[in-house]
C-alpha atoms as a PDB file:
ATOM      1  CA  MET A   1      -1.591 -28.127  36.267  1.00  0.00           C
ATOM      2  CA  LEU A   2      -4.715 -25.982  35.837  1.00  0.00           C
ATOM      3  CA  LEU A   3      -2.597 -22.868  36.207  1.00  0.00           C
ATOM      4  CA  SER A   4      -0.236 -23.954  33.430  1.00  0.00           C
ATOM      5  CA  VAL A   5      -3.159 -24.829  31.122  1.00  0.00           C
ATOM      6  CA  LYS A   6      -4.684 -21.424  31.829  1.00  0.00           C
ATOM      7  CA  ASN A   7      -1.398 -19.692  31.027  1.00  0.00           C
ATOM      8  CA  ILE A   8      -0.999 -21.622  27.783  1.00  0.00           C
ATOM      9  CA  TRP A   9      -4.567 -20.762  26.791  1.00  0.00           C
ATOM     10  CA  LEU A  10      -3.974 -17.104  27.668  1.00  0.00           C
ATOM     11  CA  ALA A  11      -0.747 -17.012  25.652  1.00  0.00           C
ATOM     12  CA  SER A  12      -2.417 -18.582  22.618  1.00  0.00           C
ATOM     13  CA  SER A  13      -5.302 -16.088  22.911  1.00  0.00           C
ATOM     14  CA  VAL A  14      -2.862 -13.181  22.965  1.00  0.00           C
ATOM     15  CA  LEU A  15      -1.193 -14.594  19.864  1.00  0.00           C
ATOM     16  CA  LEU A  16      -4.569 -14.874  18.143  1.00  0.00           C
ATOM     17  CA  PHE A  17      -5.413 -11.280  19.099  1.00  0.00           C
ATOM     18  CA  ILE A  18      -2.135 -10.074  17.547  1.00  0.00           C
ATOM     19  CA  ALA A  19      -2.831 -12.143  14.433  1.00  0.00           C
ATOM     20  CA  VAL A  20      -6.361 -10.727  14.068  1.00  0.00           C
ATOM     21  CA  LEU A  21      -5.072  -7.185  14.566  1.00  0.00           C
ATOM     22  CA  CYS A  22      -2.341  -7.648  11.954  1.00  0.00           C
ATOM     23  CA  PHE A  23      -4.817  -9.222   9.558  1.00  0.00           C
ATOM     24  CA  LEU A  24      -7.229  -6.295   9.946  1.00  0.00           C
ATOM     25  CA  ILE A  25      -4.498  -3.711   9.414  1.00  0.00           C
ATOM     26  CA  GLY A  26      -2.963  -5.656   6.563  1.00  0.00           C
ATOM     27  CA  THR A  27      -6.144  -6.193   4.545  1.00  0.00           C
ATOM     28  CA  ILE A  28      -8.041  -2.987   5.324  1.00  0.00           C
ATOM     29  CA  ILE A  29      -5.462  -0.258   5.900  1.00  0.00           C
ATOM     30  CA  VAL A  30      -2.248  -1.421   4.278  1.00  0.00           C
ATOM     31  CA  ASP A  31      -3.679  -3.999   1.864  1.00  0.00           C
ATOM     32  CA  ALA A  32      -0.330  -5.754   2.193  1.00  0.00           C
ATOM     33  CA  ALA A  33      -1.676  -9.095   1.020  1.00  0.00           C
ATOM     34  CA  SER A  34      -2.208  -7.900  -2.548  1.00  0.00           C
ATOM     35  CA  GLU A  35       0.937  -5.753  -2.467  1.00  0.00           C
ATOM     36  CA  ILE A  36       3.411  -8.344  -1.287  1.00  0.00           C
ATOM     37  CA  SER A  37       2.180 -11.815  -2.067  1.00  0.00           C
ATOM     38  CA  GLY A  38      -0.451 -11.110  -4.685  1.00  0.00           C
ATOM     39  CA  LEU A  39      -2.988 -13.126  -2.693  1.00  0.00           C
ATOM     40  CA  LYS A  40      -6.172 -11.417  -3.862  1.00  0.00           C
ATOM     41  CA  ILE A  41      -8.024 -14.369  -2.384  1.00  0.00           C
ATOM     42  CA  VAL A  42      -7.328 -12.941   1.077  1.00  0.00           C
ATOM     43  CA  VAL A  43      -9.952 -10.264   0.475  1.00  0.00           C
ATOM     44  CA  VAL A  44     -12.481 -12.931  -0.516  1.00  0.00           C
ATOM     45  CA  ILE A  45     -11.849 -15.235   2.442  1.00  0.00           C
ATOM     46  CA  PHE A  46     -11.548 -12.313   4.890  1.00  0.00           C
ATOM     47  CA  PRO A  47     -14.956 -12.864   6.601  1.00  0.00           C
ATOM     48  CA  PHE A  48     -14.385 -16.621   6.771  1.00  0.00           C
ATOM     49  CA  LEU A  49     -11.164 -16.085   8.720  1.00  0.00           C
ATOM     50  CA  TRP A  50     -11.846 -12.959  10.748  1.00  0.00           C
ATOM     51  CA  ILE A  51     -15.333 -13.793  12.068  1.00  0.00           C
ATOM     52  CA  PRO A  52     -14.509 -17.325  13.373  1.00  0.00           C
ATOM     53  CA  ALA A  53     -11.224 -16.026  14.820  1.00  0.00           C
ATOM     54  CA  MET A  54     -13.067 -13.275  16.707  1.00  0.00           C
ATOM     55  CA  ILE A  55     -15.653 -15.759  18.016  1.00  0.00           C
ATOM     56  CA  ILE A  56     -12.908 -18.103  19.239  1.00  0.00           C
ATOM     57  CA  LEU A  57     -11.058 -15.180  20.811  1.00  0.00           C
ATOM     58  CA  ILE A  58     -14.169 -13.954  22.667  1.00  0.00           C
ATOM     59  CA  ILE A  59     -15.018 -17.459  23.895  1.00  0.00           C
ATOM     60  CA  SER A  60     -11.429 -17.934  25.045  1.00  0.00           C
ATOM     61  CA  ILE A  61     -11.388 -14.654  26.985  1.00  0.00           C
ATOM     62  CA  ILE A  62     -14.693 -15.410  28.706  1.00  0.00           C
ATOM     63  CA  SER A  63     -13.669 -18.988  29.489  1.00  0.00           C
ATOM     64  CA  ILE A  64     -10.289 -17.942  30.917  1.00  0.00           C
ATOM     65  CA  LYS A  65     -11.873 -15.206  33.012  1.00  0.00           C
ATOM     66  CA  ARG A  66     -14.484 -17.588  34.444  1.00  0.00           C
ATOM     67  CA  GLU A  67     -11.977 -20.452  34.589  1.00  0.00           C
ATOM     68  CA  PHE A  68     -13.957 -22.828  32.403  1.00  0.00           C
ATOM     69  CA  LEU A  69     -10.897 -24.966  31.739  1.00  0.00           C
ATOM     70  CA  ASP A  70     -12.526 -28.342  31.057  1.00  0.00           C
ATOM     71  CA  LYS A  71     -12.404 -27.727  27.275  1.00  0.00           C
ATOM     72  CA  ALA A  72      -9.101 -25.919  27.252  1.00  0.00           C
ATOM     73  CA  THR A  73      -7.241 -28.339  24.973  1.00  0.00           C
ATOM     74  CA  PRO A  74      -9.471 -28.043  21.859  1.00  0.00           C
ATOM     75  CA  MET A  75      -9.775 -24.269  22.345  1.00  0.00           C
ATOM     76  CA  ILE A  76      -6.006 -23.874  22.620  1.00  0.00           C
ATOM     77  CA  ALA A  77      -5.641 -25.884  19.431  1.00  0.00           C
ATOM     78  CA  LEU A  78      -8.214 -23.738  17.613  1.00  0.00           C
ATOM     79  CA  THR A  79      -6.650 -20.458  18.738  1.00  0.00           C
ATOM     80  CA  LEU A  80      -3.205 -21.598  17.596  1.00  0.00           C
ATOM     81  CA  ILE A  81      -4.518 -22.887  14.258  1.00  0.00           C
ATOM     82  CA  PHE A  82      -6.331 -19.641  13.440  1.00  0.00           C
ATOM     83  CA  ALA A  83      -3.401 -17.539  14.633  1.00  0.00           C
ATOM     84  CA  CYS A  84      -1.029 -19.452  12.353  1.00  0.00           C
ATOM     85  CA  ILE A  85      -3.401 -19.164   9.374  1.00  0.00           C
ATOM     86  CA  LEU A  86      -3.785 -15.397   9.791  1.00  0.00           C
ATOM     87  CA  LEU A  87      -0.069 -14.814  10.325  1.00  0.00           C
ATOM     88  CA  TYR A  88       0.664 -16.952   7.255  1.00  0.00           C
ATOM     89  CA  PHE A  89      -1.207 -14.472   5.060  1.00  0.00           C
ATOM     90  CA  ILE A  90      -0.030 -11.318   6.842  1.00  0.00           C
ATOM     91  CA  ASN A  91       3.480 -10.925   8.244  1.00  0.00           C
ATOM     92  CA  PRO A  92       3.537  -8.419  11.170  1.00  0.00           C
ATOM     93  CA  VAL A  93       7.059  -7.305  10.257  1.00  0.00           C
ATOM     94  CA  THR A  94       5.860  -6.493   6.744  1.00  0.00           C
ATOM     95  CA  ILE A  95       2.875  -4.554   8.107  1.00  0.00           C
ATOM     96  CA  VAL A  96       5.083  -2.372  10.297  1.00  0.00           C
ATOM     97  CA  SER A  97       7.513  -1.853   7.420  1.00  0.00           C
ATOM     98  CA  ARG A  98       4.727  -0.775   5.060  1.00  0.00           C
ATOM     99  CA  LEU A  99       3.307   1.639   7.649  1.00  0.00           C
ATOM    100  CA  LEU A 100       6.665   3.263   8.423  1.00  0.00           C
ATOM    101  CA  ASN A 101       8.186   3.332   4.937  1.00  0.00           C
ATOM    102  CA  ASP A 102       6.843   4.597   1.633  1.00  0.00           C
ATOM    103  CA  TYR A 103       6.721   2.147  -1.268  1.00  0.00           C
ATOM    104  CA  VAL A 104       7.336   4.194  -4.409  1.00  0.00           C
ATOM    105  CA  VAL A 105       6.976   3.243  -8.072  1.00  0.00           C
ATOM    106  CA  ARG A 106       8.991   5.829 -10.002  1.00  0.00           C
ATOM    107  CA  ASP A 107       8.766   6.763 -13.630  1.00  0.00           C
ATOM    108  CA  TRP A 108      11.954   7.151 -15.669  1.00  0.00           C
ATOM    109  CA  SER A 109      13.298  10.684 -15.477  1.00  0.00           C
ATOM    110  CA  GLN A 110      12.745  12.830 -18.555  1.00  0.00           C
ATOM    111  CA  VAL A 111      13.486  16.421 -19.524  1.00  0.00           C
ATOM    112  CA  THR A 112      10.934  18.800 -21.014  1.00  0.00           C
ATOM    113  CA  LEU A 113      11.574  19.904 -24.601  1.00  0.00           C
ATOM    114  CA  ASP A 114      12.379  23.425 -23.436  1.00  0.00           C
ATOM    115  CA  GLY A 115      15.184  21.973 -21.296  1.00  0.00           C
ATOM    116  CA  ILE A 116      14.016  23.655 -18.092  1.00  0.00           C
ATOM    117  CA  PHE A 117      12.565  20.820 -16.034  1.00  0.00           C
ATOM    118  CA  GLU A 118      13.502  17.236 -15.297  1.00  0.00           C
ATOM    119  CA  TYR A 119      10.407  15.312 -14.240  1.00  0.00           C
ATOM    120  CA  ARG A 120       8.910  11.950 -13.425  1.00  0.00           C
ATOM    121  CA  VAL A 121       5.620  10.652 -12.041  1.00  0.00           C
ATOM    122  CA  GLU A 122       5.758   8.810  -8.715  1.00  0.00           C
ATOM    123  CA  VAL A 123       3.062   6.514  -7.356  1.00  0.00           C
ATOM    124  CA  VAL A 124       3.473   6.262  -3.582  1.00  0.00           C
ATOM    125  CA  ASN A 125       1.988   3.381  -1.567  1.00  0.00           C
ATOM    126  CA  ARG A 126      -0.301   2.401  -4.423  1.00  0.00           C
ATOM    127  CA  HIS A 127      -1.659  -0.620  -2.525  1.00  0.00           C
ATOM    128  CA  GLN A 128      -2.433   1.241   0.677  1.00  0.00           C
ATOM    129  CA  LEU A 129      -6.009   2.355   1.219  1.00  0.00           C
ATOM    130  CA  ILE A 130      -5.159   5.436   3.291  1.00  0.00           C
ATOM    131  CA  ASN A 131      -1.621   6.729   2.765  1.00  0.00           C
ATOM    132  CA  ASN A 132      -1.519   6.534  -1.030  1.00  0.00           C
ATOM    133  CA  ARG A 133      -0.804   9.368  -3.446  1.00  0.00           C
ATOM    134  CA  THR A 134       0.385  10.140  -6.940  1.00  0.00           C
ATOM    135  CA  GLN A 135       2.750  13.032  -7.447  1.00  0.00           C
ATOM    136  CA  LEU A 136       4.862  14.759 -10.050  1.00  0.00           C
ATOM    137  CA  SER A 137       8.517  15.046  -9.051  1.00  0.00           C
ATOM    138  CA  VAL A 138      10.083  18.057 -10.739  1.00  0.00           C
ATOM    139  CA  LYS A 139      13.616  19.490 -10.748  1.00  0.00           C
ATOM    140  CA  ASN A 140      14.353  22.914 -12.164  1.00  0.00           C
ATOM    141  CA  LEU A 141      17.573  22.416 -14.125  1.00  0.00           C
ATOM    142  CA  LEU A 142      18.331  26.150 -14.023  1.00  0.00           C
ATOM    143  CA  THR A 143      18.045  26.589 -10.257  1.00  0.00           C
ATOM    144  CA  GLU A 144      18.499  22.953  -9.081  1.00  0.00           C
ATOM    145  CA  GLU A 145      15.286  23.372  -7.062  1.00  0.00           C
ATOM    146  CA  GLU A 146      13.232  20.216  -6.522  1.00  0.00           C
ATOM    147  CA  MET A 147       9.510  20.013  -5.799  1.00  0.00           C
ATOM    148  CA  PHE A 148       6.702  17.494  -5.537  1.00  0.00           C
ATOM    149  CA  ILE A 149       3.320  18.399  -7.015  1.00  0.00           C
ATOM    150  CA  PRO A 150       0.347  16.254  -5.862  1.00  0.00           C
ATOM    151  CA  LEU A 151      -1.795  14.917  -8.698  1.00  0.00           C
ATOM    152  CA  PRO A 152      -5.563  14.571  -8.156  1.00  0.00           C
ATOM    153  CA  VAL A 153      -5.747  10.862  -8.968  1.00  0.00           C
ATOM    154  CA  SER A 154      -7.818   8.340  -7.048  1.00  0.00           C
ATOM    155  CA  ARG A 155      -6.375   5.002  -5.968  1.00  0.00           C
ATOM    156  CA  GLY A 156      -8.723   3.102  -8.261  1.00  0.00           C
ATOM    157  CA  GLU A 157      -7.361   4.922 -11.303  1.00  0.00           C
ATOM    158  CA  VAL A 158      -3.789   3.784 -10.664  1.00  0.00           C
ATOM    159  CA  ARG A 159      -3.539   0.556 -12.617  1.00  0.00           C
ATOM    160  CA  ILE A 160       0.044   0.272 -13.780  1.00  0.00           C
ATOM    161  CA  THR A 161       0.379  -1.961 -16.846  1.00  0.00           C
ATOM    162  CA  GLY A 162       3.311  -3.223 -18.819  1.00  0.00           C
ATOM    163  CA  GLY A 163       5.617  -3.599 -15.825  1.00  0.00           C
ATOM    164  CA  GLU A 164       6.851  -0.997 -13.391  1.00  0.00           C
ATOM    165  CA  SER A 165       9.064   1.754 -14.718  1.00  0.00           C
ATOM    166  CA  SER A 166      11.370   1.491 -11.738  1.00  0.00           C
ATOM    167  CA  ILE A 167      12.938  -1.563 -13.386  1.00  0.00           C
ATOM    168  CA  THR A 168      16.555  -1.135 -14.412  1.00  0.00           C
ATOM    169  CA  PRO A 169      18.474  -0.728 -16.618  1.00  0.00           C
ATOM    170  CA  VAL A 170      16.863   2.336 -18.157  1.00  0.00           C
ATOM    171  CA  PRO A 171      16.224   1.851 -21.886  1.00  0.00           C
ATOM    172  CA  GLU A 172      17.836   4.172 -24.424  1.00  0.00           C
ATOM    173  CA  ASP A 173      14.478   5.675 -25.359  1.00  0.00           C
ATOM    174  CA  ALA A 174      12.907   6.055 -21.907  1.00  0.00           C
ATOM    175  CA  SER A 175      10.103   8.245 -23.244  1.00  0.00           C
ATOM    176  CA  SER A 176       8.654   5.237 -25.075  1.00  0.00           C
ATOM    177  CA  PHE A 177       8.188   3.401 -21.778  1.00  0.00           C
ATOM    178  CA  ALA A 178       7.516   6.325 -19.403  1.00  0.00           C
ATOM    179  CA  MET A 179       4.235   6.777 -17.592  1.00  0.00           C
ATOM    180  CA  SER A 180       3.921  10.448 -18.509  1.00  0.00           C
ATOM    181  CA  GLU A 181       4.767  13.312 -20.816  1.00  0.00           C
ATOM    182  CA  LEU A 182       5.165  16.952 -19.739  1.00  0.00           C
ATOM    183  CA  VAL A 183       5.031  19.683 -22.395  1.00  0.00           C
ATOM    184  CA  SER A 184       5.192  23.463 -22.138  1.00  0.00           C
ATOM    185  CA  THR A 185       2.426  25.849 -23.213  1.00  0.00           C
ATOM    186  CA  GLU A 186       2.355  29.424 -24.466  1.00  0.00           C
ATOM    187  CA  VAL A 187       1.689  30.567 -20.887  1.00  0.00           C
ATOM    188  CA  GLU A 188       4.765  30.953 -18.697  1.00  0.00           C
ATOM    189  CA  ASN A 189       5.134  28.301 -15.954  1.00  0.00           C
ATOM    190  CA  ILE A 190       2.093  26.388 -17.251  1.00  0.00           C
ATOM    191  CA  TYR A 191       2.697  22.864 -18.524  1.00  0.00           C
ATOM    192  CA  ILE A 192       0.438  20.030 -19.653  1.00  0.00           C
ATOM    193  CA  LEU A 193       1.058  16.604 -18.121  1.00  0.00           C
ATOM    194  CA  THR A 194      -0.376  13.527 -19.813  1.00  0.00           C
ATOM    195  CA  THR A 195      -0.192  10.210 -17.996  1.00  0.00           C
ATOM    196  CA  ARG A 196      -0.249   7.033 -20.021  1.00  0.00           C
ATOM    197  CA  ARG A 197       0.563   3.685 -18.533  1.00  0.00           C
ATOM    198  CA  PHE A 198      -1.680   3.627 -15.449  1.00  0.00           C
ATOM    199  CA  SER A 199      -4.554   5.745 -16.797  1.00  0.00           C
ATOM    200  CA  ILE A 200      -4.763   8.266 -19.629  1.00  0.00           C
ATOM    201  CA  LEU A 201      -5.276  11.521 -17.760  1.00  0.00           C
ATOM    202  CA  VAL A 202      -4.407  15.132 -18.533  1.00  0.00           C
ATOM    203  CA  PHE A 203      -3.385  17.778 -15.986  1.00  0.00           C
ATOM    204  CA  GLU A 204      -2.525  21.452 -16.123  1.00  0.00           C
ATOM    205  CA  ILE A 205       0.624  21.977 -14.053  1.00  0.00           C
ATOM    206  CA  ASN A 206       1.401  25.390 -12.585  1.00  0.00           C
ATOM    207  CA  MET A 207       5.101  25.308 -11.770  1.00  0.00           C
ATOM    208  CA  GLU A 208       5.052  28.612  -9.918  1.00  0.00           C
ATOM    209  CA  ALA A 209       2.106  27.736  -7.682  1.00  0.00           C
ATOM    210  CA  ARG A 210       3.130  24.061  -7.539  1.00  0.00           C
ATOM    211  CA  THR A 211      -0.392  22.870  -8.258  1.00  0.00           C
ATOM    212  CA  ALA A 212      -2.037  20.434 -10.647  1.00  0.00           C
ATOM    213  CA  ARG A 213      -5.504  20.836 -12.112  1.00  0.00           C
ATOM    214  CA  ARG A 214      -7.171  17.927 -13.829  1.00  0.00           C
ATOM    215  CA  ILE A 215      -8.336  18.643 -17.379  1.00  0.00           C
ATOM    216  CA  GLU A 216      -9.428  15.182 -18.544  1.00  0.00           C
END
């Protein structure tokens, strides 16, 4: 009987450990709570969930190791309750999916007035704290060459408003809804990119060097 209680307690502790790990990754690294479910409250209640869960987990490990099984039933109940609460907010399958796959918000494709480049701004993993980036996707219509130019934009500056431009169908006048505008200059291969919908920023784009320099 004691052996079965110990095994149940151990199994529930392992489940709680997995839940705590997923919760940490989800709220700190991936920020999946705000990305998927919109539960901004998760960030606020984070210490009230994580700290008690860690205390219960430590007590459970010590108690199992020393075989203090007289209070196993309430501890098993607590570990299961906290594990279920944490896993309710953060789905492990979603965490793995977000870590392995890029989540991209794409602008509508446009063509520069000189007819040379097709372009669009892409915001990649905008809710992740580590693997996030903003880039300019460009296709040379003369050579069919495609390239991605990183834009020096911080995560805090990416605040997409007015809906995401990846929504279909594409409107007849996509430029009115697009996140950016790319115009040529008098200097060959130098273009000026102005972003609009997530932040009003201006970049100098060097198509030959494939670089972006922030102007404003």
